[in-house]
C-alpha atoms as a PDB file:
ATOM      1  CA  MET A   1      -3.391  -1.455  -7.705  1.00  0.00           C
ATOM      2  CA  ILE A   2      -0.614  -1.070  -6.071  1.00  0.00           C
ATOM      3  CA  LYS A   3       2.673  -3.331  -6.908  1.00  0.00           C
ATOM      4  CA  LEU A   4       5.181  -3.899  -4.932  1.00  0.00           C
ATOM      5  CA  GLU A   5       8.675  -5.890  -6.336  1.00  0.00           C
ATOM      6  CA  GLY A   6      11.784  -7.656  -4.633  1.00  0.00           C
ATOM      7  CA  LEU A   7       9.312  -9.396  -1.984  1.00  0.00           C
ATOM      8  CA  SER A   8      10.183 -12.808  -0.420  1.00  0.00           C
ATOM      9  CA  LYS A   9       7.804 -15.263  -0.373  1.00  0.00           C
ATOM     10  CA  GLN A  10       6.871 -15.072   3.054  1.00  0.00           C
ATOM     11  CA  ASP A  11       6.201 -10.544   2.326  1.00  0.00           C
ATOM     12  CA  VAL A  12       4.283 -11.835  -0.136  1.00  0.00           C
ATOM     13  CA  GLN A  13       1.770 -14.026   1.780  1.00  0.00           C
ATOM     14  CA  ILE A  14       1.880 -11.006   4.835  1.00  0.00           C
ATOM     15  CA  CYS A  15       0.400  -8.192   2.203  1.00  0.00           C
ATOM     16  CA  SER A  16      -2.123 -11.207   0.727  1.00  0.00           C
ATOM     17  CA  LEU A  17      -3.027 -10.825   4.081  1.00  0.00           C
ATOM     18  CA  LEU A  18      -3.343  -7.425   5.095  1.00  0.00           C
ATOM     19  CA  TRP A  19      -4.597  -6.487   2.000  1.00  0.00           C
ATOM     20  CA  ASN A  20      -7.632  -8.643   2.422  1.00  0.00           C
ATOM     21  CA  CYS A  21      -8.550  -6.851   5.550  1.00  0.00           C
ATOM     22  CA  ASP A  22     -11.570  -4.460   5.048  1.00  0.00           C
ATOM     23  CA  THR A  23     -10.878  -1.748   7.403  1.00  0.00           C
ATOM     24  CA  LEU A  24      -7.231   0.055   9.122  1.00  0.00           C
ATOM     25  CA  ALA A  25      -8.205  -1.467  12.592  1.00  0.00           C
ATOM     26  CA  ALA A  26      -8.322  -4.815  11.145  1.00  0.00           C
ATOM     27  CA  VAL A  27      -5.172  -4.332   9.610  1.00  0.00           C
ATOM     28  CA  ASP A  28      -3.859  -3.436  12.913  1.00  0.00           C
ATOM     29  CA  ALA A  29      -5.611  -6.400  14.682  1.00  0.00           C
ATOM     30  CA  MET A  30      -3.810  -8.618  12.878  1.00  0.00           C
ATOM     31  CA  VAL A  31      -0.048  -7.116  12.929  1.00  0.00           C
ATOM     32  CA  SER A  32      -0.828  -7.435  16.463  1.00  0.00           C
ATOM     33  CA  ALA A  33      -2.175 -10.481  16.709  1.00  0.00           C
ATOM     34  CA  MET A  34       1.042 -11.801  14.637  1.00  0.00           C
ATOM     35  CA  PRO A  35       4.035 -14.065  16.065  1.00  0.00           C
ATOM     36  CA  PRO A  36       6.741 -11.487  16.739  1.00  0.00           C
ATOM     37  CA  ALA A  37       8.752 -13.159  14.626  1.00  0.00           C
ATOM     38  CA  TYR A  38       6.370 -11.410  12.000  1.00  0.00           C
ATOM     39  CA  LYS A  39       5.091  -8.518  13.715  1.00  0.00           C
ATOM     40  CA  GLN A  40       8.186  -6.510  12.449  1.00  0.00           C
ATOM     41  CA  ARG A  41       8.627  -7.461   9.223  1.00  0.00           C
ATOM     42  CA  ALA A  42       4.426  -7.092   8.801  1.00  0.00           C
ATOM     43  CA  GLN A  43       4.479  -3.576   9.956  1.00  0.00           C
ATOM     44  CA  VAL A  44       7.169  -2.764   7.045  1.00  0.00           C
ATOM     45  CA  MET A  45       4.959  -4.444   5.008  1.00  0.00           C
ATOM     46  CA  ARG A  46       2.240  -2.407   5.797  1.00  0.00           C
ATOM     47  CA  GLU A  47       4.396   0.914   5.282  1.00  0.00           C
ATOM     48  CA  LEU A  48       5.136  -0.021   1.952  1.00  0.00           C
ATOM     49  CA  MET A  49       1.694  -1.108   1.119  1.00  0.00           C
ATOM     50  CA  ILE A  50       0.760   2.785   2.624  1.00  0.00           C
ATOM     51  CA  ALA A  51       3.631   4.230   1.020  1.00  0.00           C
ATOM     52  CA  ALA A  52       2.785   2.520  -2.476  1.00  0.00           C
ATOM     53  CA  GLN A  53      -0.788   3.727  -2.625  1.00  0.00           C
ATOM     54  CA  LEU A  54       0.376   7.276  -2.007  1.00  0.00           C
ATOM     55  CA  ASP A  55       2.802   7.042  -5.227  1.00  0.00           C
ATOM     56  CA  THR A  56      -0.595   6.062  -7.056  1.00  0.00           C
ATOM     57  CA  VAL A  57      -2.496   8.812  -5.705  1.00  0.00           C
ATOM     58  CA  GLU A  58       0.203  11.373  -6.361  1.00  0.00           C
ATOM     59  CA  ASP A  59       0.674  10.114 -10.050  1.00  0.00           C
ATOM     60  CA  VAL A  60      -3.459  10.222 -10.777  1.00  0.00           C
ATOM     61  CA  ASP A  61      -3.092  13.567  -8.795  1.00  0.00           C
ATOM     62  CA  ALA A  62      -0.579  14.816 -11.516  1.00  0.00           C
ATOM     63  CA  ASN A  63      -2.183  13.592 -14.522  1.00  0.00           C
ATOM     64  CA  VAL A  64      -5.247  15.281 -14.083  1.00  0.00           C
ATOM     65  CA  GLN A  65      -3.047  18.497 -13.271  1.00  0.00           C
ATOM     66  CA  ALA A  66      -1.996  18.348 -16.246  1.00  0.00           C
ATOM     67  CA  LEU A  67      -5.379  17.105 -18.075  1.00  0.00           C
ATOM     68  CA  LEU A  68      -6.568  20.226 -16.701  1.00  0.00           C
ATOM     69  CA  GLN A  69      -3.640  22.646 -18.431  1.00  0.00           C
ATOM     70  CA  ARG A  70      -4.596  21.349 -21.566  1.00  0.00           C
ATOM     71  CA  ILE A  71      -7.799  21.928 -21.016  1.00  0.00           C
ATOM     72  CA  SER A  72      -7.513  25.292 -20.116  1.00  0.00           C
ATOM     73  CA  ALA A  73      -4.885  26.302 -22.265  1.00  0.00           C
ATOM     74  CA  GLY A  74      -6.738  24.927 -25.241  1.00  0.00           C
END
């Protein structure tokens, strides 16, 4: 689960809408269908969500590598 901090109420609503999409194509379609006033912010939120997810994967990868090193050293 990703966590983004410091978001406005509108940002949280946009992220909730994006998070509930089943596919990346659905996310893209939702962002494209948004009014111009929301579209740019939705694009930013989508990118933040992707970056946060990548950070989570990198953290897991680092933990797995550390565990493997302990196992091989042990």
